[in-house]
Amino acid sequence: MTMSEVDKVRMSAASAIERSRERRRPIGTKSVALRRQHLYKKLGRVLIAGGIVLLGAALFGALIQPLGFTGLLALFVLLIGVAVLFGRSPFPEPRQADLPKTDLKQLAGRTEIWLEAQRPALPAPARTLVDGIGVQLDLLAPQLQTLDPSEPAAANIRKLVGEDLPELVAGYQRIPTGLRGEAHAGRTPDETLVGGLKMLEAEIGSAARSLAAGELDKLATRERYLQLKYQGIDGEDSPAS
C-alpha cells in the first residue's frame, strides 16, 4: 500500500470516527433525560425479573430440595438469560411521522433525539444552529409540562416543533447531495436551510418566553411560521423535484 493510499485510509477512518462522535452527541438535556429514563426502566425490569427468579430458587431449595452445584449453575445461567431478555430492548428512536403525535410533555426531548440523528448529515453552519435549537427546546420543555393540550398555544407549538422543524430538515435531506450547493430562486438549499433554522431557533425561543410569561393569547395568535419554509427545499421549488 502506497503512502497516498495509507493517507486516504487514515482520513476515511478519522471521518468515520468523527461521524460516530457527532451521532452520539446530544444537543440538549431533555434527550439525555429520556434515554436515561428508558435505561432505568430497563434496569428495573431486569432487577424485578432477577428477584423473582432468586425468590423462586430460594423457595425451591427450602421447601423441596437443596439446589446443589448443578442447581446453582442452572440458576446462574437463568439469571444471565433474564438479564439478556429484559435488558436488550433498545431505545425507541422517534420517527418524523411520530413527532406531531408525541405527548406534549415529551415533545422537546423526542424532537432533540430526532435532530441528533439527522445532525451529522447537515452542513456545518446548520449543525451549529441545531445545537442552538436544542438549547431553546430545553428552555421550552418545562413550560410544556403544564400546558393544557387543548390550548391553541399547544397546537401552535406542536406544529412548530413537531411538524415545521422536522420537515425543514427532512426536506433538505431529500435533495441530492450534488444539488445542495446550487442556487435555486436566488438561494442554495444550504442557505435556505440555514435561514429556516435561524428563524425556527428564534421562534422556539420566543414561544418559551411567551409561555413562561403566561402570554398564551399572544402565542396562540402568532402566524409568522417559517416565512422561508421550504423555498428551494421542498415542494415545487425543490431542485430535487
C-alpha atoms as a PDB file:
ATOM      1  CA  MET A   1       0.000   0.000   0.000  1.00  0.00           C
ATOM      2  CA  THR A   2       1.428   3.372  -1.022  1.00  0.00           C
ATOM      3  CA  MET A   3       1.712   6.372   1.274  1.00  0.00           C
ATOM      4  CA  SER A   4      -1.134   8.065  -0.600  1.00  0.00           C
ATOM      5  CA  GLU A   5      -3.389   5.065  -0.023  1.00  0.00           C
ATOM      6  CA  VAL A   6      -2.429   4.994   3.664  1.00  0.00           C
ATOM      7  CA  ASP A   7      -3.353   8.668   3.975  1.00  0.00           C
ATOM      8  CA  LYS A   8      -6.716   8.021   2.324  1.00  0.00           C
ATOM      9  CA  VAL A   9      -7.437   5.137   4.686  1.00  0.00           C
ATOM     10  CA  ARG A  10      -6.405   7.252   7.677  1.00  0.00           C
ATOM     11  CA  MET A  11      -8.594  10.155   6.558  1.00  0.00           C
ATOM     12  CA  SER A  12     -11.529   7.808   5.928  1.00  0.00           C
ATOM     13  CA  ALA A  13     -11.145   6.264   9.382  1.00  0.00           C
ATOM     14  CA  ALA A  14     -10.897   9.692  11.026  1.00  0.00           C
ATOM     15  CA  SER A  15     -14.013  10.817   9.163  1.00  0.00           C
ATOM     16  CA  ALA A  16     -15.923   7.726  10.284  1.00  0.00           C
ATOM     17  CA  ILE A  17     -14.878   8.297  13.901  1.00  0.00           C
ATOM     18  CA  GLU A  18     -15.951  11.937  13.714  1.00  0.00           C
ATOM     19  CA  ARG A  19     -19.348  10.969  12.267  1.00  0.00           C
ATOM     20  CA  SER A  20     -19.778   8.437  15.048  1.00  0.00           C
ATOM     21  CA  ARG A  21     -18.996  11.076  17.665  1.00  0.00           C
ATOM     22  CA  GLU A  22     -21.419  13.522  16.054  1.00  0.00           C
ATOM     23  CA  ARG A  23     -24.147  10.895  16.031  1.00  0.00           C
ATOM     24  CA  ARG A  24     -23.756  10.180  19.732  1.00  0.00           C
ATOM     25  CA  ARG A  25     -23.502  13.787  20.908  1.00  0.00           C
ATOM     26  CA  PRO A  26     -26.712  15.112  22.476  1.00  0.00           C
ATOM     27  CA  ILE A  27     -27.939  18.607  21.603  1.00  0.00           C
ATOM     28  CA  GLY A  28     -29.966  19.075  24.774  1.00  0.00           C
ATOM     29  CA  THR A  29     -30.589  17.766  28.268  1.00  0.00           C
ATOM     30  CA  LYS A  30     -34.127  16.531  27.593  1.00  0.00           C
ATOM     31  CA  SER A  31     -32.996  13.889  25.110  1.00  0.00           C
ATOM     32  CA  VAL A  32     -30.454  12.671  27.675  1.00  0.00           C
ATOM     33  CA  ALA A  33     -33.193  12.540  30.322  1.00  0.00           C
ATOM     34  CA  LEU A  34     -35.472  10.433  28.102  1.00  0.00           C
ATOM     35  CA  ARG A  35     -32.682   7.976  27.310  1.00  0.00           C
ATOM     36  CA  ARG A  36     -31.771   7.762  30.989  1.00  0.00           C
ATOM     37  CA  GLN A  37     -35.412   7.171  31.906  1.00  0.00           C
ATOM     38  CA  HIS A  38     -35.576   4.316  29.391  1.00  0.00           C
ATOM     39  CA  LEU A  39     -32.366   2.821  30.820  1.00  0.00           C
ATOM     40  CA  TYR A  40     -33.692   2.986  34.382  1.00  0.00           C
ATOM     41  CA  LYS A  41     -36.921   1.279  33.346  1.00  0.00           C
ATOM     42  CA  LYS A  42     -34.945  -1.436  31.602  1.00  0.00           C
ATOM     43  CA  LEU A  43     -32.722  -1.978  34.652  1.00  0.00           C
ATOM     44  CA  GLY A  44     -35.825  -2.051  36.819  1.00  0.00           C
ATOM     45  CA  ARG A  45     -37.321  -4.828  34.717  1.00  0.00           C
ATOM     46  CA  VAL A  46     -34.089  -6.806  34.923  1.00  0.00           C
ATOM     47  CA  LEU A  47     -33.923  -6.440  38.713  1.00  0.00           C
ATOM     48  CA  ILE A  48     -37.560  -7.394  39.216  1.00  0.00           C
ATOM     49  CA  ALA A  49     -37.270 -10.445  36.961  1.00  0.00           C
ATOM     50  CA  GLY A  50     -33.986 -11.451  38.606  1.00  0.00           C
ATOM     51  CA  GLY A  51     -35.519 -11.055  42.047  1.00  0.00           C
ATOM     52  CA  ILE A  52     -38.432 -13.308  41.089  1.00  0.00           C
ATOM     53  CA  VAL A  53     -36.008 -15.962  39.857  1.00  0.00           C
ATOM     54  CA  LEU A  54     -33.944 -15.777  43.059  1.00  0.00           C
ATOM     55  CA  LEU A  55     -37.056 -15.944  45.218  1.00  0.00           C
ATOM     56  CA  GLY A  56     -38.296 -18.970  43.306  1.00  0.00           C
ATOM     57  CA  ALA A  57     -34.908 -20.651  43.658  1.00  0.00           C
ATOM     58  CA  ALA A  58     -34.833 -19.931  47.394  1.00  0.00           C
ATOM     59  CA  LEU A  59     -38.318 -21.381  47.902  1.00  0.00           C
ATOM     60  CA  PHE A  60     -37.427 -24.420  45.840  1.00  0.00           C
ATOM     61  CA  GLY A  61     -34.274 -25.010  47.873  1.00  0.00           C
ATOM     62  CA  ALA A  62     -36.076 -24.517  51.199  1.00  0.00           C
ATOM     63  CA  LEU A  63     -39.263 -26.478  50.521  1.00  0.00           C
ATOM     64  CA  ILE A  64     -38.332 -29.164  48.007  1.00  0.00           C
ATOM     65  CA  GLN A  65     -34.611 -29.892  47.919  1.00  0.00           C
ATOM     66  CA  PRO A  66     -31.299 -28.025  48.077  1.00  0.00           C
ATOM     67  CA  LEU A  67     -30.137 -26.696  44.740  1.00  0.00           C
ATOM     68  CA  GLY A  68     -26.649 -28.172  44.887  1.00  0.00           C
ATOM     69  CA  PHE A  69     -23.889 -27.314  42.449  1.00  0.00           C
ATOM     70  CA  THR A  70     -25.931 -28.182  39.372  1.00  0.00           C
ATOM     71  CA  GLY A  71     -28.859 -26.157  40.617  1.00  0.00           C
ATOM     72  CA  LEU A  72     -26.695 -23.139  41.360  1.00  0.00           C
ATOM     73  CA  LEU A  73     -25.142 -23.380  37.904  1.00  0.00           C
ATOM     74  CA  ALA A  74     -28.606 -23.545  36.333  1.00  0.00           C
ATOM     75  CA  LEU A  75     -29.669 -20.549  38.445  1.00  0.00           C
ATOM     76  CA  PHE A  76     -26.634 -18.571  37.248  1.00  0.00           C
ATOM     77  CA  VAL A  77     -27.418 -19.376  33.601  1.00  0.00           C
ATOM     78  CA  LEU A  78     -31.070 -18.465  34.152  1.00  0.00           C
ATOM     79  CA  LEU A  79     -30.137 -15.094  35.659  1.00  0.00           C
ATOM     80  CA  ILE A  80     -27.948 -14.333  32.662  1.00  0.00           C
ATOM     81  CA  GLY A  81     -30.807 -15.252  30.358  1.00  0.00           C
ATOM     82  CA  VAL A  82     -33.175 -12.970  32.275  1.00  0.00           C
ATOM     83  CA  ALA A  83     -30.688 -10.089  32.059  1.00  0.00           C
ATOM     84  CA  VAL A  84     -30.294 -10.557  28.309  1.00  0.00           C
ATOM     85  CA  LEU A  85     -34.033 -10.977  27.716  1.00  0.00           C
ATOM     86  CA  PHE A  86     -35.166  -7.938  29.688  1.00  0.00           C
ATOM     87  CA  GLY A  87     -32.140  -5.766  29.044  1.00  0.00           C
ATOM     88  CA  ARG A  88     -31.882  -5.927  25.284  1.00  0.00           C
ATOM     89  CA  SER A  89     -34.783  -3.601  24.439  1.00  0.00           C
ATOM     90  CA  PRO A  90     -33.287  -0.631  22.554  1.00  0.00           C
ATOM     91  CA  PHE A  91     -34.466   2.927  22.973  1.00  0.00           C
ATOM     92  CA  PRO A  92     -37.423   3.534  20.621  1.00  0.00           C
ATOM     93  CA  GLU A  93     -35.981   6.120  18.249  1.00  0.00           C
ATOM     94  CA  PRO A  94     -38.672   8.607  17.167  1.00  0.00           C
ATOM     95  CA  ARG A  95     -39.647   8.824  13.516  1.00  0.00           C
ATOM     96  CA  GLN A  96     -40.542  12.077  11.825  1.00  0.00           C
ATOM     97  CA  ALA A  97     -44.144  10.923  11.355  1.00  0.00           C
ATOM     98  CA  ASP A  98     -44.427  10.268  15.116  1.00  0.00           C
ATOM     99  CA  LEU A  99     -43.359  13.723  16.295  1.00  0.00           C
ATOM    100  CA  PRO A 100     -46.634  15.604  15.601  1.00  0.00           C
ATOM    101  CA  LYS A 101     -48.484  12.992  17.705  1.00  0.00           C
ATOM    102  CA  THR A 102     -45.961  12.894  20.562  1.00  0.00           C
ATOM    103  CA  ASP A 103     -47.195  13.619  24.067  1.00  0.00           C
ATOM    104  CA  LEU A 104     -46.664  17.324  24.692  1.00  0.00           C
ATOM    105  CA  LYS A 105     -44.577  16.653  27.801  1.00  0.00           C
ATOM    106  CA  GLN A 106     -42.070  14.622  25.765  1.00  0.00           C
ATOM    107  CA  LEU A 107     -42.171  16.683  22.573  1.00  0.00           C
ATOM    108  CA  ALA A 108     -38.995  18.676  23.264  1.00  0.00           C
ATOM    109  CA  GLY A 109     -36.923  15.646  24.267  1.00  0.00           C
ATOM    110  CA  ARG A 110     -38.058  13.400  21.433  1.00  0.00           C
ATOM    111  CA  THR A 111     -37.526  16.177  18.890  1.00  0.00           C
ATOM    112  CA  GLU A 112     -33.995  16.612  20.234  1.00  0.00           C
ATOM    113  CA  ILE A 113     -33.366  12.883  19.777  1.00  0.00           C
ATOM    114  CA  TRP A 114     -34.639  13.010  16.194  1.00  0.00           C
ATOM    115  CA  LEU A 115     -32.466  16.044  15.424  1.00  0.00           C
ATOM    116  CA  GLU A 116     -29.406  14.350  16.929  1.00  0.00           C
ATOM    117  CA  ALA A 117     -29.801  11.523  14.411  1.00  0.00           C
ATOM    118  CA  GLN A 118     -30.071  13.978  11.480  1.00  0.00           C
ATOM    119  CA  ARG A 119     -27.333  16.355  12.622  1.00  0.00           C
ATOM    120  CA  PRO A 120     -24.319  14.537  11.062  1.00  0.00           C
ATOM    121  CA  ALA A 121     -25.857  14.818   7.571  1.00  0.00           C
ATOM    122  CA  LEU A 122     -26.247  18.606   7.767  1.00  0.00           C
ATOM    123  CA  PRO A 123     -23.695  21.264   6.724  1.00  0.00           C
ATOM    124  CA  ALA A 124     -21.551  22.748   9.496  1.00  0.00           C
ATOM    125  CA  PRO A 125     -23.493  26.035   9.886  1.00  0.00           C
ATOM    126  CA  ALA A 126     -26.736  24.078  10.191  1.00  0.00           C
ATOM    127  CA  ARG A 127     -25.232  21.745  12.823  1.00  0.00           C
ATOM    128  CA  THR A 128     -24.350  24.781  14.922  1.00  0.00           C
ATOM    129  CA  LEU A 129     -27.921  26.058  14.627  1.00  0.00           C
ATOM    130  CA  VAL A 130     -29.302  22.631  15.559  1.00  0.00           C
ATOM    131  CA  ASP A 131     -27.225  22.847  18.749  1.00  0.00           C
ATOM    132  CA  GLY A 132     -28.820  26.225  19.455  1.00  0.00           C
ATOM    133  CA  ILE A 133     -32.286  24.803  18.813  1.00  0.00           C
ATOM    134  CA  GLY A 134     -31.511  22.112  21.372  1.00  0.00           C
ATOM    135  CA  VAL A 135     -30.870  24.848  23.943  1.00  0.00           C
ATOM    136  CA  GLN A 136     -34.185  26.518  23.088  1.00  0.00           C
ATOM    137  CA  LEU A 137     -36.037  23.201  23.331  1.00  0.00           C
ATOM    138  CA  ASP A 138     -34.566  22.716  26.799  1.00  0.00           C
ATOM    139  CA  LEU A 139     -35.971  26.134  27.764  1.00  0.00           C
ATOM    140  CA  LEU A 140     -39.357  25.287  26.274  1.00  0.00           C
ATOM    141  CA  ALA A 141     -39.679  21.820  27.842  1.00  0.00           C
ATOM    142  CA  PRO A 142     -40.607  22.920  31.422  1.00  0.00           C
ATOM    143  CA  GLN A 143     -43.457  25.038  30.055  1.00  0.00           C
ATOM    144  CA  LEU A 144     -44.836  22.059  28.145  1.00  0.00           C
ATOM    145  CA  GLN A 145     -45.187  20.043  31.352  1.00  0.00           C
ATOM    146  CA  THR A 146     -48.110  22.206  32.477  1.00  0.00           C
ATOM    147  CA  LEU A 147     -49.509  23.452  29.171  1.00  0.00           C
ATOM    148  CA  ASP A 148     -53.079  22.298  28.515  1.00  0.00           C
ATOM    149  CA  PRO A 149     -53.056  20.286  25.250  1.00  0.00           C
ATOM    150  CA  SER A 150     -56.413  21.840  24.346  1.00  0.00           C
ATOM    151  CA  GLU A 151     -54.975  25.375  24.372  1.00  0.00           C
ATOM    152  CA  PRO A 152     -54.435  26.977  20.935  1.00  0.00           C
ATOM    153  CA  ALA A 153     -50.852  27.627  22.057  1.00  0.00           C
ATOM    154  CA  ALA A 154     -50.284  23.880  22.382  1.00  0.00           C
ATOM    155  CA  ALA A 155     -51.388  23.296  18.794  1.00  0.00           C
ATOM    156  CA  ASN A 156     -49.077  26.064  17.568  1.00  0.00           C
ATOM    157  CA  ILE A 157     -46.094  24.651  19.438  1.00  0.00           C
ATOM    158  CA  ARG A 158     -46.845  21.136  18.223  1.00  0.00           C
ATOM    159  CA  LYS A 159     -46.885  22.477  14.656  1.00  0.00           C
ATOM    160  CA  LEU A 160     -43.711  24.494  15.112  1.00  0.00           C
ATOM    161  CA  VAL A 161     -41.647  21.840  16.896  1.00  0.00           C
ATOM    162  CA  GLY A 162     -43.234  18.604  15.728  1.00  0.00           C
ATOM    163  CA  GLU A 163     -44.003  19.463  12.107  1.00  0.00           C
ATOM    164  CA  ASP A 164     -42.260  22.549  10.694  1.00  0.00           C
ATOM    165  CA  LEU A 165     -38.822  21.899  12.187  1.00  0.00           C
ATOM    166  CA  PRO A 166     -38.574  18.199  11.202  1.00  0.00           C
ATOM    167  CA  GLU A 167     -39.990  18.844   7.734  1.00  0.00           C
ATOM    168  CA  LEU A 168     -37.458  21.598   7.077  1.00  0.00           C
ATOM    169  CA  VAL A 169     -34.578  19.246   7.911  1.00  0.00           C
ATOM    170  CA  ALA A 170     -36.112  16.243   6.130  1.00  0.00           C
ATOM    171  CA  GLY A 171     -36.893  18.328   3.042  1.00  0.00           C
ATOM    172  CA  TYR A 172     -33.260  19.374   2.823  1.00  0.00           C
ATOM    173  CA  GLN A 173     -32.095  15.777   3.106  1.00  0.00           C
ATOM    174  CA  ARG A 174     -34.328  14.716   0.226  1.00  0.00           C
ATOM    175  CA  ILE A 175     -32.275  16.880  -2.117  1.00  0.00           C
ATOM    176  CA  PRO A 176     -29.399  15.017  -3.811  1.00  0.00           C
ATOM    177  CA  THR A 177     -26.074  15.975  -2.256  1.00  0.00           C
ATOM    178  CA  GLY A 178     -24.698  17.343  -5.500  1.00  0.00           C
ATOM    179  CA  LEU A 179     -27.540  19.844  -5.848  1.00  0.00           C
ATOM    180  CA  ARG A 180     -27.460  21.304  -2.352  1.00  0.00           C
ATOM    181  CA  GLY A 181     -24.895  23.942  -3.261  1.00  0.00           C
ATOM    182  CA  GLU A 182     -26.624  25.059  -6.464  1.00  0.00           C
ATOM    183  CA  ALA A 183     -28.658  28.265  -6.376  1.00  0.00           C
ATOM    184  CA  HIS A 184     -32.377  27.999  -6.986  1.00  0.00           C
ATOM    185  CA  ALA A 185     -34.656  31.034  -6.920  1.00  0.00           C
ATOM    186  CA  GLY A 186     -31.680  33.081  -5.773  1.00  0.00           C
ATOM    187  CA  ARG A 187     -30.632  30.836  -2.870  1.00  0.00           C
ATOM    188  CA  THR A 188     -28.968  27.481  -2.474  1.00  0.00           C
ATOM    189  CA  PRO A 189     -30.680  24.757  -0.417  1.00  0.00           C
ATOM    190  CA  ASP A 190     -27.845  25.082   2.108  1.00  0.00           C
ATOM    191  CA  GLU A 191     -28.588  28.793   2.529  1.00  0.00           C
ATOM    192  CA  THR A 192     -32.327  28.187   2.773  1.00  0.00           C
ATOM    193  CA  LEU A 193     -31.823  25.501   5.411  1.00  0.00           C
ATOM    194  CA  VAL A 194     -29.655  27.796   7.497  1.00  0.00           C
ATOM    195  CA  GLY A 195     -32.129  30.669   7.125  1.00  0.00           C
ATOM    196  CA  GLY A 196     -35.038  28.449   8.125  1.00  0.00           C
ATOM    197  CA  LEU A 197     -33.203  27.048  11.140  1.00  0.00           C
ATOM    198  CA  LYS A 198     -32.322  30.562  12.308  1.00  0.00           C
ATOM    199  CA  MET A 199     -35.980  31.525  12.158  1.00  0.00           C
ATOM    200  CA  LEU A 200     -37.042  28.357  13.963  1.00  0.00           C
ATOM    201  CA  GLU A 201     -34.474  28.887  16.703  1.00  0.00           C
ATOM    202  CA  ALA A 202     -35.873  32.385  17.271  1.00  0.00           C
ATOM    203  CA  GLU A 203     -39.494  31.168  17.137  1.00  0.00           C
ATOM    204  CA  ILE A 204     -38.937  28.389  19.660  1.00  0.00           C
ATOM    205  CA  GLY A 205     -37.118  30.765  22.000  1.00  0.00           C
ATOM    206  CA  SER A 206     -39.949  33.281  21.668  1.00  0.00           C
ATOM    207  CA  ALA A 207     -42.518  30.563  22.385  1.00  0.00           C
ATOM    208  CA  ALA A 208     -40.637  29.539  25.535  1.00  0.00           C
ATOM    209  CA  ARG A 209     -40.546  33.131  26.774  1.00  0.00           C
ATOM    210  CA  SER A 210     -44.215  33.696  25.956  1.00  0.00           C
ATOM    211  CA  LEU A 211     -45.271  30.574  27.834  1.00  0.00           C
ATOM    212  CA  ALA A 212     -43.055  31.430  30.792  1.00  0.00           C
ATOM    213  CA  ALA A 213     -44.713  34.846  30.961  1.00  0.00           C
ATOM    214  CA  GLY A 214     -48.187  33.323  30.676  1.00  0.00           C
ATOM    215  CA  GLU A 215     -48.833  35.064  27.350  1.00  0.00           C
ATOM    216  CA  LEU A 216     -50.928  32.262  25.838  1.00  0.00           C
ATOM    217  CA  ASP A 217     -53.062  34.609  23.780  1.00  0.00           C
ATOM    218  CA  LYS A 218     -50.002  36.218  22.234  1.00  0.00           C
ATOM    219  CA  LEU A 219     -48.526  32.833  21.394  1.00  0.00           C
ATOM    220  CA  ALA A 220     -51.814  31.471  20.051  1.00  0.00           C
ATOM    221  CA  THR A 221     -52.132  34.292  17.522  1.00  0.00           C
ATOM    222  CA  ARG A 222     -48.597  34.011  16.164  1.00  0.00           C
ATOM    223  CA  GLU A 223     -48.840  33.082  12.499  1.00  0.00           C
ATOM    224  CA  ARG A 224     -45.328  34.049  11.416  1.00  0.00           C
ATOM    225  CA  TYR A 225     -44.166  30.483  10.872  1.00  0.00           C
ATOM    226  CA  LEU A 226     -41.271  29.777   8.559  1.00  0.00           C
ATOM    227  CA  GLN A 227     -41.635  32.522   6.022  1.00  0.00           C
ATOM    228  CA  LEU A 228     -38.735  30.870   4.270  1.00  0.00           C
ATOM    229  CA  LYS A 229     -40.377  27.469   4.648  1.00  0.00           C
ATOM    230  CA  TYR A 230     -39.057  25.026   2.077  1.00  0.00           C
ATOM    231  CA  GLN A 231     -38.226  27.710  -0.512  1.00  0.00           C
ATOM    232  CA  GLY A 232     -35.771  25.782  -2.622  1.00  0.00           C
ATOM    233  CA  ILE A 233     -36.042  22.834  -0.257  1.00  0.00           C
ATOM    234  CA  ASP A 234     -39.395  21.195  -0.732  1.00  0.00           C
ATOM    235  CA  GLY A 235     -42.373  21.167  -2.986  1.00  0.00           C
ATOM    236  CA  GLU A 236     -42.348  22.659  -6.457  1.00  0.00           C
ATOM    237  CA  ASP A 237     -39.342  24.859  -5.690  1.00  0.00           C
ATOM    238  CA  SER A 238     -37.120  21.914  -4.831  1.00  0.00           C
ATOM    239  CA  PRO A 239     -34.199  21.223  -7.137  1.00  0.00           C
ATOM    240  CA  ALA A 240     -34.886  17.546  -6.483  1.00  0.00           C
ATOM    241  CA  SER A 241     -38.401  17.677  -7.918  1.00  0.00           C
END
